Amino acid sequence: MVRAWTKWFVIGLTVIVLVIQALPYGRDHTNPPVRAEPAWDTSRTRDLAVRACFDCHSNQTVWPWYSNIAPISWLIERDVKKGRRELNFSEWHKAQEEAHESANTVRKGSMPPWYYPWAGLSFAQRQQLIRGLESTLGSRERERHNRRQER
């Protein structure tokens, strides 16, 4: 009885996985042209940002082979679209409202997300990226300080 149930479960799951491959979402792997990047404080900051941030926050996404397999492709597509909307290092000619939050987001550990392990940084690299992002993009604290100075 258990063996028959397991067999039908595996067959059903296989059919579902095959059917969802036909859904078109998650395969729009376009990389629009790079228009402008920030004036990075150092090449090291840019290198760390490329490693930890660019796959979702730039037009230079490297699409891994499994980004073509649903439902993983859905997650990746959603994250890239959202990431580019929030902050796009390749479209610096447009206003990047969240740029000053970048260092704090890395400091809090919410970026890069844990489920993208290749984007992980060592503690020292994370600290270098935070300092570099603050220097390149500013920080909320610096913005508050500047506003107080203007008054």
N, C-alpha and C. Protein backbone atom coordinates (compact mmCIF):
# COMPACT_ATOMS: atom_id res chain seq x y z
N MET A 1 0.83 -1.20 0.00
CA MET A 1 0.00 0.00 0.00
C MET A 1 0.87 1.26 0.00
N VAL A 2 1.86 1.29 0.91
CA VAL A 2 2.75 2.45 0.98
C VAL A 2 3.57 2.56 -0.30
N ARG A 3 4.01 1.45 -0.82
CA ARG A 3 4.82 1.44 -2.03
C ARG A 3 4.00 1.98 -3.22
N ALA A 4 2.73 1.60 -3.32
CA ALA A 4 1.87 2.09 -4.41
C ALA A 4 1.64 3.59 -4.26
N TRP A 5 1.40 4.06 -3.04
CA TRP A 5 1.19 5.48 -2.79
C TRP A 5 2.44 6.28 -3.15
N THR A 6 3.59 5.78 -2.77
CA THR A 6 4.86 6.44 -3.07
C THR A 6 5.07 6.52 -4.58
N LYS A 7 4.77 5.45 -5.27
CA LYS A 7 4.93 5.41 -6.72
C LYS A 7 4.06 6.50 -7.37
N TRP A 8 2.80 6.60 -6.99
CA TRP A 8 1.89 7.60 -7.58
C TRP A 8 2.28 9.01 -7.18
N PHE A 9 2.80 9.16 -5.99
CA PHE A 9 3.27 10.48 -5.54
C PHE A 9 4.44 10.93 -6.41
N VAL A 10 5.40 10.06 -6.65
CA VAL A 10 6.56 10.39 -7.47
C VAL A 10 6.13 10.68 -8.91
N ILE A 11 5.24 9.89 -9.44
CA ILE A 11 4.74 10.12 -10.81
C ILE A 11 4.02 11.47 -10.87
N GLY A 12 3.16 11.75 -9.92
CA GLY A 12 2.43 13.02 -9.88
C GLY A 12 3.36 14.21 -9.77
N LEU A 13 4.34 14.10 -8.89
CA LEU A 13 5.31 15.18 -8.71
C LEU A 13 6.12 15.41 -9.99
N THR A 14 6.50 14.34 -10.64
CA THR A 14 7.25 14.45 -11.90
C THR A 14 6.41 15.15 -12.96
N VAL A 15 5.14 14.78 -13.06
CA VAL A 15 4.25 15.41 -14.04
C VAL A 15 4.12 16.90 -13.74
N ILE A 16 3.95 17.26 -12.48
CA ILE A 16 3.81 18.68 -12.10
C ILE A 16 5.08 19.44 -12.47
N VAL A 17 6.23 18.91 -12.15
CA VAL A 17 7.50 19.58 -12.47
C VAL A 17 7.64 19.75 -13.97
N LEU A 18 7.27 18.75 -14.75
CA LEU A 18 7.36 18.86 -16.21
C LEU A 18 6.37 19.89 -16.75
N VAL A 19 5.15 19.91 -16.22
CA VAL A 19 4.14 20.85 -16.70
C VAL A 19 4.52 22.29 -16.39
N ILE A 20 5.05 22.56 -15.21
CA ILE A 20 5.39 23.95 -14.88
C ILE A 20 6.55 24.48 -15.70
N GLN A 21 7.30 23.60 -16.34
CA GLN A 21 8.37 24.06 -17.22
C GLN A 21 7.81 24.82 -18.42
N ALA A 22 6.56 24.56 -18.76
CA ALA A 22 5.93 25.23 -19.91
C ALA A 22 5.49 26.66 -19.59
N LEU A 23 5.42 27.01 -18.33
CA LEU A 23 5.02 28.37 -17.96
C LEU A 23 6.14 29.34 -18.33
N PRO A 24 5.80 30.45 -18.96
CA PRO A 24 6.84 31.34 -19.49
C PRO A 24 7.55 32.19 -18.44
N TYR A 25 6.99 32.39 -17.27
CA TYR A 25 7.62 33.27 -16.28
C TYR A 25 8.94 32.67 -15.80
N GLY A 26 9.91 33.55 -15.60
CA GLY A 26 11.19 33.11 -15.04
C GLY A 26 12.26 32.85 -16.08
N ARG A 27 11.98 33.17 -17.32
CA ARG A 27 12.98 32.92 -18.35
C ARG A 27 13.33 34.16 -19.16
N ASP A 28 12.94 35.31 -18.66
CA ASP A 28 13.27 36.57 -19.34
C ASP A 28 14.65 37.00 -18.88
N HIS A 29 15.67 36.40 -19.43
CA HIS A 29 17.04 36.63 -18.98
C HIS A 29 17.73 37.70 -19.80
N THR A 30 17.09 38.84 -19.85
CA THR A 30 17.70 39.95 -20.58
C THR A 30 18.54 40.79 -19.63
N ASN A 31 19.59 41.32 -20.17
CA ASN A 31 20.42 42.27 -19.44
C ASN A 31 20.42 43.56 -20.25
N PRO A 32 19.63 44.54 -19.82
CA PRO A 32 19.65 45.82 -20.54
C PRO A 32 21.06 46.40 -20.53
N PRO A 33 21.32 47.35 -21.40
CA PRO A 33 22.68 47.92 -21.44
C PRO A 33 23.03 48.67 -20.16
N VAL A 34 24.31 48.68 -19.88
CA VAL A 34 24.80 49.45 -18.73
C VAL A 34 24.87 50.91 -19.18
N ARG A 35 24.20 51.78 -18.45
CA ARG A 35 24.16 53.21 -18.81
C ARG A 35 25.23 54.00 -18.07
N ALA A 36 25.27 53.81 -16.77
CA ALA A 36 26.25 54.53 -15.94
C ALA A 36 26.37 53.82 -14.60
N GLU A 37 27.57 53.81 -14.05
CA GLU A 37 27.81 53.25 -12.72
C GLU A 37 28.20 54.37 -11.78
N PRO A 38 28.12 54.10 -10.47
CA PRO A 38 28.57 55.12 -9.52
C PRO A 38 30.08 55.36 -9.68
N ALA A 39 30.53 56.46 -9.17
CA ALA A 39 31.97 56.74 -9.13
C ALA A 39 32.50 56.01 -7.90
N TRP A 40 32.91 54.76 -8.09
CA TRP A 40 33.36 53.93 -6.98
C TRP A 40 34.57 54.55 -6.29
N ASP A 41 34.61 54.42 -4.97
CA ASP A 41 35.76 54.98 -4.23
C ASP A 41 37.03 54.20 -4.53
N THR A 42 36.92 52.88 -4.72
CA THR A 42 38.08 52.05 -5.08
C THR A 42 37.61 50.92 -5.98
N SER A 43 38.53 50.33 -6.69
CA SER A 43 38.18 49.17 -7.52
C SER A 43 37.81 47.98 -6.63
N ARG A 44 38.35 47.93 -5.43
CA ARG A 44 38.02 46.84 -4.49
C ARG A 44 36.55 46.89 -4.10
N THR A 45 36.03 48.09 -3.85
CA THR A 45 34.60 48.22 -3.53
C THR A 45 33.77 47.71 -4.69
N ARG A 46 34.13 48.11 -5.90
CA ARG A 46 33.38 47.65 -7.06
C ARG A 46 33.45 46.13 -7.19
N ASP A 47 34.64 45.55 -7.01
CA ASP A 47 34.80 44.10 -7.11
C ASP A 47 33.90 43.37 -6.09
N LEU A 48 33.87 43.87 -4.87
CA LEU A 48 33.02 43.26 -3.84
C LEU A 48 31.54 43.43 -4.18
N ALA A 49 31.17 44.59 -4.70
CA ALA A 49 29.78 44.83 -5.09
C ALA A 49 29.40 43.93 -6.26
N VAL A 50 30.30 43.75 -7.21
CA VAL A 50 30.03 42.85 -8.34
C VAL A 50 29.76 41.45 -7.80
N ARG A 51 30.59 40.99 -6.89
CA ARG A 51 30.45 39.64 -6.36
C ARG A 51 29.17 39.47 -5.54
N ALA A 52 28.86 40.44 -4.69
CA ALA A 52 27.76 40.27 -3.74
C ALA A 52 26.44 40.90 -4.18
N CYS A 53 26.47 41.86 -5.10
CA CYS A 53 25.27 42.65 -5.38
C CYS A 53 24.82 42.65 -6.84
N PHE A 54 25.75 42.58 -7.76
CA PHE A 54 25.44 42.86 -9.16
C PHE A 54 24.47 41.87 -9.81
N ASP A 55 24.41 40.63 -9.35
CA ASP A 55 23.50 39.69 -10.00
C ASP A 55 22.05 40.11 -9.87
N CYS A 56 21.69 40.82 -8.83
CA CYS A 56 20.32 41.31 -8.68
C CYS A 56 20.21 42.82 -8.83
N HIS A 57 21.28 43.54 -8.59
CA HIS A 57 21.22 45.01 -8.56
C HIS A 57 22.01 45.66 -9.69
N SER A 58 22.01 45.04 -10.86
CA SER A 58 22.66 45.64 -12.02
C SER A 58 22.08 45.03 -13.29
N ASN A 59 22.51 45.56 -14.40
CA ASN A 59 22.12 44.99 -15.69
C ASN A 59 23.19 44.02 -16.19
N GLN A 60 23.99 43.52 -15.27
CA GLN A 60 25.06 42.58 -15.60
C GLN A 60 24.85 41.24 -14.89
N THR A 61 23.61 40.83 -14.80
CA THR A 61 23.26 39.59 -14.12
C THR A 61 23.88 38.39 -14.82
N VAL A 62 24.48 37.52 -14.04
CA VAL A 62 24.97 36.25 -14.55
C VAL A 62 23.86 35.24 -14.25
N TRP A 63 23.26 34.70 -15.30
CA TRP A 63 22.13 33.78 -15.14
C TRP A 63 22.65 32.35 -15.08
N PRO A 64 22.60 31.71 -13.91
CA PRO A 64 23.09 30.32 -13.81
C PRO A 64 22.16 29.36 -14.57
N TRP A 65 22.65 28.19 -14.87
CA TRP A 65 21.89 27.20 -15.65
C TRP A 65 20.54 26.90 -15.02
N TYR A 66 20.49 26.84 -13.69
CA TYR A 66 19.23 26.47 -13.02
C TYR A 66 18.22 27.62 -13.00
N SER A 67 18.61 28.79 -13.52
CA SER A 67 17.64 29.88 -13.62
C SER A 67 16.66 29.63 -14.77
N ASN A 68 16.81 28.51 -15.46
CA ASN A 68 15.89 28.11 -16.52
C ASN A 68 14.93 27.02 -16.07
N ILE A 69 15.02 26.60 -14.82
CA ILE A 69 14.21 25.50 -14.33
C ILE A 69 13.22 26.01 -13.29
N ALA A 70 11.93 25.89 -13.62
CA ALA A 70 10.88 26.28 -12.69
C ALA A 70 10.83 25.26 -11.56
N PRO A 71 10.52 25.65 -10.37
CA PRO A 71 10.12 26.96 -9.89
C PRO A 71 11.29 27.84 -9.43
N ILE A 72 12.52 27.33 -9.50
CA ILE A 72 13.68 28.13 -9.09
C ILE A 72 13.79 29.38 -9.96
N SER A 73 13.49 29.23 -11.25
CA SER A 73 13.57 30.37 -12.16
C SER A 73 12.62 31.49 -11.74
N TRP A 74 11.50 31.13 -11.14
CA TRP A 74 10.53 32.15 -10.70
C TRP A 74 11.12 33.00 -9.59
N LEU A 75 11.76 32.35 -8.63
CA LEU A 75 12.38 33.06 -7.52
C LEU A 75 13.49 33.99 -8.02
N ILE A 76 14.33 33.47 -8.88
CA ILE A 76 15.45 34.27 -9.38
C ILE A 76 14.95 35.46 -10.19
N GLU A 77 14.00 35.23 -11.10
CA GLU A 77 13.45 36.31 -11.91
C GLU A 77 12.83 37.40 -11.03
N ARG A 78 12.06 36.98 -10.03
CA ARG A 78 11.44 37.93 -9.12
C ARG A 78 12.49 38.75 -8.37
N ASP A 79 13.52 38.08 -7.87
CA ASP A 79 14.55 38.78 -7.11
C ASP A 79 15.33 39.76 -7.97
N VAL A 80 15.63 39.39 -9.21
CA VAL A 80 16.37 40.29 -10.10
C VAL A 80 15.52 41.51 -10.45
N LYS A 81 14.26 41.29 -10.79
CA LYS A 81 13.38 42.43 -11.13
C LYS A 81 13.23 43.38 -9.94
N LYS A 82 13.00 42.81 -8.77
CA LYS A 82 12.85 43.63 -7.56
C LYS A 82 14.16 44.34 -7.24
N GLY A 83 15.26 43.63 -7.33
CA GLY A 83 16.56 44.22 -7.03
C GLY A 83 16.89 45.38 -7.94
N ARG A 84 16.64 45.21 -9.23
CA ARG A 84 16.91 46.29 -10.19
C ARG A 84 16.00 47.49 -9.93
N ARG A 85 14.77 47.22 -9.52
CA ARG A 85 13.85 48.31 -9.21
C ARG A 85 14.30 49.11 -7.99
N GLU A 86 14.78 48.41 -6.98
CA GLU A 86 15.18 49.05 -5.72
C GLU A 86 16.48 49.84 -5.86
N LEU A 87 17.46 49.23 -6.53
CA LEU A 87 18.79 49.84 -6.68
C LEU A 87 19.46 49.18 -7.87
N ASN A 88 19.87 50.00 -8.84
CA ASN A 88 20.50 49.43 -10.03
C ASN A 88 21.82 50.15 -10.28
N PHE A 89 22.91 49.44 -10.03
CA PHE A 89 24.24 50.01 -10.21
C PHE A 89 24.58 50.29 -11.67
N SER A 90 23.78 49.79 -12.60
CA SER A 90 24.03 49.99 -14.03
C SER A 90 23.24 51.15 -14.62
N GLU A 91 22.39 51.76 -13.81
CA GLU A 91 21.57 52.87 -14.30
C GLU A 91 21.71 54.06 -13.37
N TRP A 92 22.95 54.42 -13.14
CA TRP A 92 23.26 55.49 -12.20
C TRP A 92 22.84 56.86 -12.72
N HIS A 93 22.49 56.94 -13.99
CA HIS A 93 21.99 58.19 -14.56
C HIS A 93 20.58 58.49 -14.06
N LYS A 94 19.91 57.49 -13.49
CA LYS A 94 18.58 57.67 -12.90
C LYS A 94 18.74 57.82 -11.39
N ALA A 95 17.77 58.46 -10.77
CA ALA A 95 17.79 58.61 -9.31
C ALA A 95 17.74 57.22 -8.65
N GLN A 96 18.59 57.02 -7.69
CA GLN A 96 18.65 55.76 -6.93
C GLN A 96 18.32 56.09 -5.48
N GLU A 97 17.04 56.15 -5.20
CA GLU A 97 16.54 56.61 -3.89
C GLU A 97 17.07 55.79 -2.72
N GLU A 98 17.31 54.52 -2.93
CA GLU A 98 17.73 53.63 -1.83
C GLU A 98 19.24 53.49 -1.71
N ALA A 99 19.99 54.19 -2.52
CA ALA A 99 21.44 54.00 -2.54
C ALA A 99 22.07 54.23 -1.17
N HIS A 100 21.64 55.26 -0.47
CA HIS A 100 22.25 55.58 0.83
C HIS A 100 21.96 54.51 1.89
N GLU A 101 21.02 53.60 1.61
CA GLU A 101 20.70 52.52 2.54
C GLU A 101 21.57 51.29 2.33
N SER A 102 22.33 51.26 1.25
CA SER A 102 23.05 50.05 0.86
C SER A 102 23.99 49.54 1.95
N ALA A 103 24.81 50.41 2.48
CA ALA A 103 25.78 49.97 3.50
C ALA A 103 25.07 49.43 4.73
N ASN A 104 23.99 50.10 5.14
CA ASN A 104 23.26 49.65 6.32
C ASN A 104 22.58 48.31 6.07
N THR A 105 22.10 48.09 4.87
CA THR A 105 21.46 46.82 4.53
C THR A 105 22.47 45.67 4.59
N VAL A 106 23.68 45.92 4.12
CA VAL A 106 24.73 44.91 4.22
C VAL A 106 25.14 44.72 5.68
N ARG A 107 25.23 45.82 6.42
CA ARG A 107 25.62 45.76 7.83
C ARG A 107 24.62 44.91 8.63
N LYS A 108 23.33 45.08 8.37
CA LYS A 108 22.30 44.33 9.09
C LYS A 108 22.26 42.87 8.69
N GLY A 109 22.88 42.53 7.56
CA GLY A 109 22.92 41.14 7.13
C GLY A 109 21.75 40.74 6.24
N SER A 110 20.88 41.69 5.88
CA SER A 110 19.76 41.32 5.02
C SER A 110 20.16 41.25 3.55
N MET A 111 21.32 41.77 3.22
CA MET A 111 21.87 41.64 1.87
C MET A 111 23.33 41.24 1.98
N PRO A 112 23.82 40.40 1.15
CA PRO A 112 23.07 39.59 0.21
C PRO A 112 22.27 38.51 0.94
N PRO A 113 21.15 38.08 0.35
CA PRO A 113 20.32 37.07 1.01
C PRO A 113 21.07 35.76 1.22
N TRP A 114 20.74 35.08 2.30
CA TRP A 114 21.42 33.82 2.64
C TRP A 114 21.23 32.75 1.58
N TYR A 115 20.11 32.81 0.83
CA TYR A 115 19.84 31.75 -0.14
C TYR A 115 20.56 31.95 -1.47
N TYR A 116 21.46 32.94 -1.52
CA TYR A 116 22.38 33.08 -2.65
C TYR A 116 23.79 32.94 -2.10
N PRO A 117 24.20 31.71 -1.81
CA PRO A 117 25.47 31.50 -1.11
C PRO A 117 26.71 31.98 -1.86
N TRP A 118 26.69 31.98 -3.19
CA TRP A 118 27.85 32.44 -3.96
C TRP A 118 28.09 33.93 -3.76
N ALA A 119 27.07 34.65 -3.28
CA ALA A 119 27.22 36.09 -3.03
C ALA A 119 27.78 36.35 -1.64
N GLY A 120 28.01 35.30 -0.88
CA GLY A 120 28.48 35.46 0.49
C GLY A 120 29.87 36.08 0.57
N LEU A 121 30.07 36.80 1.62
CA LEU A 121 31.35 37.46 1.85
C LEU A 121 31.88 37.05 3.21
N SER A 122 33.18 37.03 3.34
CA SER A 122 33.77 36.81 4.66
C SER A 122 33.49 38.05 5.51
N PHE A 123 33.74 37.95 6.79
CA PHE A 123 33.51 39.09 7.68
C PHE A 123 34.34 40.30 7.22
N ALA A 124 35.60 40.06 6.91
CA ALA A 124 36.49 41.16 6.49
C ALA A 124 36.00 41.78 5.17
N GLN A 125 35.57 40.93 4.24
CA GLN A 125 35.07 41.45 2.97
C GLN A 125 33.78 42.26 3.18
N ARG A 126 32.93 41.77 4.05
CA ARG A 126 31.69 42.48 4.35
C ARG A 126 32.00 43.87 4.92
N GLN A 127 32.98 43.94 5.83
CA GLN A 127 33.35 45.24 6.41
C GLN A 127 33.93 46.17 5.35
N GLN A 128 34.74 45.62 4.45
CA GLN A 128 35.30 46.44 3.36
C GLN A 128 34.18 46.96 2.46
N LEU A 129 33.22 46.10 2.14
CA LEU A 129 32.11 46.52 1.29
C LEU A 129 31.28 47.60 1.97
N ILE A 130 31.01 47.46 3.25
CA ILE A 130 30.24 48.46 3.99
C ILE A 130 30.95 49.81 3.93
N ARG A 131 32.25 49.81 4.25
CA ARG A 131 33.01 51.07 4.21
C ARG A 131 33.01 51.66 2.79
N GLY A 132 33.20 50.80 1.79
CA GLY A 132 33.22 51.27 0.42
C GLY A 132 31.89 51.82 -0.04
N LEU A 133 30.80 51.16 0.34
CA LEU A 133 29.47 51.65 -0.03
C LEU A 133 29.18 52.98 0.66
N GLU A 134 29.58 53.10 1.92
CA GLU A 134 29.38 54.39 2.62
C GLU A 134 30.17 55.50 1.93
N SER A 135 31.38 55.18 1.55
CA SER A 135 32.22 56.17 0.89
C SER A 135 31.69 56.52 -0.50
N THR A 136 31.24 55.53 -1.23
CA THR A 136 30.77 55.75 -2.60
C THR A 136 29.36 56.31 -2.66
N LEU A 137 28.46 55.74 -1.87
CA LEU A 137 27.03 56.05 -2.00
C LEU A 137 26.48 56.89 -0.86
N GLY A 138 27.26 57.05 0.19
CA GLY A 138 26.76 57.76 1.35
C GLY A 138 26.03 56.81 2.28
N SER A 139 25.50 57.36 3.34
CA SER A 139 24.75 56.57 4.30
C SER A 139 23.64 57.44 4.87
N ARG A 140 22.69 56.80 5.48
CA ARG A 140 21.57 57.53 6.08
C ARG A 140 22.09 58.49 7.15
N GLU A 141 23.06 58.04 7.92
CA GLU A 141 23.60 58.89 8.98
C GLU A 141 24.26 60.14 8.39
N ARG A 142 25.02 59.95 7.32
CA ARG A 142 25.67 61.08 6.67
C ARG A 142 24.62 62.04 6.09
N GLU A 143 23.57 61.48 5.51
CA GLU A 143 22.51 62.31 4.94
C GLU A 143 21.83 63.14 6.03
N ARG A 144 21.56 62.54 7.18
CA ARG A 144 20.96 63.28 8.31
C ARG A 144 21.90 64.39 8.76
N HIS A 145 23.18 64.07 8.87
CA HIS A 145 24.16 65.05 9.29
C HIS A 145 24.20 66.24 8.33
N ASN A 146 24.19 65.93 7.03
CA ASN A 146 24.21 66.98 6.02
C ASN A 146 22.97 67.88 6.08
N ARG A 147 21.82 67.27 6.36
CA ARG A 147 20.59 68.05 6.46
C ARG A 147 20.66 69.00 7.65
N ARG A 148 21.20 68.48 8.78
CA ARG A 148 21.33 69.35 9.97
C ARG A 148 22.27 70.52 9.69
N GLN A 149 23.34 70.25 8.95
CA GLN A 149 24.31 71.29 8.63
C GLN A 149 23.69 72.38 7.74
N GLU A 150 22.74 71.96 6.87
CA GLU A 150 22.13 72.92 5.96
C GLU A 150 21.18 73.88 6.69
N ARG A 151 20.69 73.49 7.84
CA ARG A 151 19.71 74.32 8.59
C ARG A 151 20.34 75.48 9.25
